[in-house]
Amino acid sequence: MNRRLRLTPCAAMLVLLSACQPAPVPLSDAAIAVRDAAPEDLFVGRLQNVDVELLVKDCKVFQVARGPEQAVALTEVLAPPPYPFFTDCQRQSLRHEDGAVIAVLGRMAFGAGGCCATGGTWRTRDGQTWEKISEHTLP
């Protein structure tokens, strides 16, 4: 018997079986941002006995909420004050220290040298309320 004929029913069976599988749920932009975040851009832990997940992206801090089927929602909880000209995020990080999360955010104005036109260092003990502790943007 021709070998090609024996493989054809197997190939047809594989096509039929793969057609029965549900299509994977595409990831949202928020889920991709959390998945691809650098370690210094993501905090997952407990603050005041509450599970907290925070993400820093484009010099803003977001609270991460997870839902069913890989659903992820981001809610902005901190951003530096607005600046009257165009800026670019130059420094951003999160770190856990003494029961608090420290966020460093720094935006540089286009055409300006050095950093930062707006930003600073903030601290939260609950993931919601932020206190500015310094004008400096050094991690």
Protein backbone atom coordinates (compact mmCIF):
# COMPACT_ATOMS: atom_id res chain seq x y z
CA MET A 1 0.00 0.00 0.00
CA ASN A 2 1.21 3.50 -0.71
CA ARG A 3 2.69 5.19 2.39
CA ARG A 4 1.14 8.50 1.38
CA LEU A 5 -2.36 7.03 1.55
CA ARG A 6 -1.79 5.71 5.09
CA LEU A 7 -0.82 9.16 6.39
CA THR A 8 -3.76 10.92 4.82
CA PRO A 9 -6.41 9.55 7.26
CA CYS A 10 -4.13 10.44 10.19
CA ALA A 11 -3.64 13.97 8.92
CA ALA A 12 -7.40 14.33 8.42
CA MET A 13 -8.03 13.13 11.99
CA LEU A 14 -5.56 15.70 13.38
CA VAL A 15 -7.27 18.49 11.46
CA LEU A 16 -10.67 17.43 12.80
CA LEU A 17 -9.41 17.20 16.39
CA SER A 18 -7.72 20.57 16.26
CA ALA A 19 -10.89 22.16 14.91
CA CYS A 20 -12.74 21.01 18.06
CA GLN A 21 -10.39 22.88 20.42
CA PRO A 22 -11.56 26.28 21.65
CA ALA A 23 -9.56 29.22 20.37
CA PRO A 24 -7.20 30.67 22.96
CA VAL A 25 -8.38 33.87 24.60
CA PRO A 26 -6.19 36.74 23.35
CA LEU A 27 -4.41 38.69 26.06
CA SER A 28 -5.39 42.31 26.64
CA ASP A 29 -2.84 45.13 26.53
CA ALA A 30 -3.01 45.26 30.35
CA ALA A 31 -2.30 41.53 30.67
CA ILE A 32 0.64 41.81 28.27
CA ALA A 33 2.03 44.80 30.22
CA VAL A 34 1.90 42.82 33.49
CA ARG A 35 3.33 39.68 31.88
CA ASP A 36 6.24 41.56 30.27
CA ALA A 37 7.03 43.87 33.21
CA ALA A 38 10.59 43.96 34.51
CA PRO A 39 11.02 42.90 38.16
CA GLU A 40 11.57 46.50 39.26
CA ASP A 41 8.33 47.54 37.55
CA LEU A 42 6.03 45.11 39.40
CA PHE A 43 5.17 44.61 43.06
CA VAL A 44 3.16 41.59 44.16
CA GLY A 45 2.82 41.20 47.91
CA ARG A 46 0.95 42.14 51.06
CA LEU A 47 0.51 45.60 52.53
CA GLN A 48 -1.39 45.91 55.82
CA ASN A 49 -2.51 42.27 55.48
CA VAL A 50 -4.08 42.87 52.05
CA ASP A 51 -2.81 41.33 48.81
CA VAL A 52 -1.63 44.11 46.51
CA GLU A 53 -0.35 44.05 42.95
CA LEU A 54 1.13 47.24 41.49
CA LEU A 55 2.64 47.97 38.08
CA VAL A 56 4.68 50.99 37.04
CA LYS A 57 4.36 51.82 33.33
CA ASP A 58 5.12 55.07 31.48
CA CYS A 59 5.86 56.84 34.80
CA LYS A 60 2.45 55.98 36.27
CA VAL A 61 1.62 53.44 38.97
CA PHE A 62 -1.37 51.19 38.37
CA GLN A 63 -3.20 48.81 40.67
CA VAL A 64 -3.60 45.45 38.95
CA ALA A 65 -6.96 43.66 39.25
CA ARG A 66 -7.24 40.11 37.97
CA GLY A 67 -10.49 38.63 36.75
CA PRO A 68 -11.59 35.34 35.23
CA GLU A 69 -9.94 33.84 32.15
CA GLN A 70 -6.71 35.86 32.28
CA ALA A 71 -8.59 39.17 32.41
CA VAL A 72 -6.45 41.99 33.82
CA ALA A 73 -7.54 45.55 34.55
CA LEU A 74 -5.25 48.47 35.43
CA THR A 75 -6.38 51.40 37.56
CA GLU A 76 -4.08 54.42 37.80
CA VAL A 77 -3.22 55.23 41.43
CA LEU A 78 -0.22 57.56 41.06
CA ALA A 79 1.30 59.85 38.42
CA PRO A 80 3.67 62.80 38.63
CA PRO A 81 2.14 66.26 38.27
CA PRO A 82 1.49 67.42 34.71
CA TYR A 83 4.12 69.41 32.86
CA PRO A 84 3.24 72.12 30.28
CA PHE A 85 5.46 70.63 27.54
CA PHE A 86 6.04 67.19 26.05
CA THR A 87 7.86 64.77 28.34
CA ASP A 88 9.25 61.25 28.23
CA CYS A 89 9.52 58.76 31.07
CA GLN A 90 13.20 58.43 32.02
CA ARG A 91 13.07 56.76 35.45
CA GLN A 92 10.56 54.47 37.05
CA SER A 93 10.74 51.70 39.61
CA LEU A 94 8.94 50.08 42.54
CA ARG A 95 10.57 48.54 45.60
CA HIS A 96 9.31 47.07 48.86
CA GLU A 97 10.86 48.54 51.99
CA ASP A 98 9.78 48.40 55.67
CA GLY A 99 6.16 47.41 54.99
CA ALA A 100 5.73 50.04 52.25
CA VAL A 101 6.16 50.29 48.49
CA ILE A 102 8.43 53.06 47.23
CA ALA A 103 7.76 54.42 43.73
CA VAL A 104 10.34 56.48 41.85
CA LEU A 105 9.00 58.35 38.81
CA GLY A 106 10.87 60.83 36.62
CA ARG A 107 9.83 62.49 33.36
CA MET A 108 12.24 64.53 31.25
CA ALA A 109 11.08 67.38 29.02
CA PHE A 110 11.90 66.93 25.32
CA GLY A 111 14.90 69.00 24.35
CA ALA A 112 16.05 69.29 27.95
CA GLY A 113 19.15 67.66 29.31
CA GLY A 114 19.20 65.61 32.46
CA CYS A 115 16.27 64.38 34.44
CA CYS A 116 13.71 65.28 35.58
CA ALA A 117 11.21 68.03 34.76
CA THR A 118 8.57 66.35 36.90
CA GLY A 119 8.61 63.40 39.25
CA GLY A 120 9.93 62.37 42.62
CA THR A 121 9.73 59.54 45.13
CA TRP A 122 6.48 58.42 46.77
CA ARG A 123 5.57 55.84 49.45
CA THR A 124 2.41 53.85 50.11
CA ARG A 125 1.59 51.50 52.96
CA ASP A 126 -1.73 50.33 51.49
CA GLY A 127 -1.36 50.58 47.69
CA GLN A 128 -3.92 53.39 47.45
CA THR A 129 -2.73 56.39 49.47
CA TRP A 130 0.59 57.85 48.30
CA GLU A 131 2.83 60.29 50.17
CA LYS A 132 5.56 62.22 48.35
CA ILE A 133 8.75 61.72 50.35
CA SER A 134 11.28 63.37 48.06
CA GLU A 135 11.67 65.51 44.96
CA HIS A 136 14.62 63.29 43.95
CA THR A 137 14.21 60.61 41.30
CA LEU A 138 17.09 58.36 42.27
CA PRO A 139 16.11 54.72 42.80
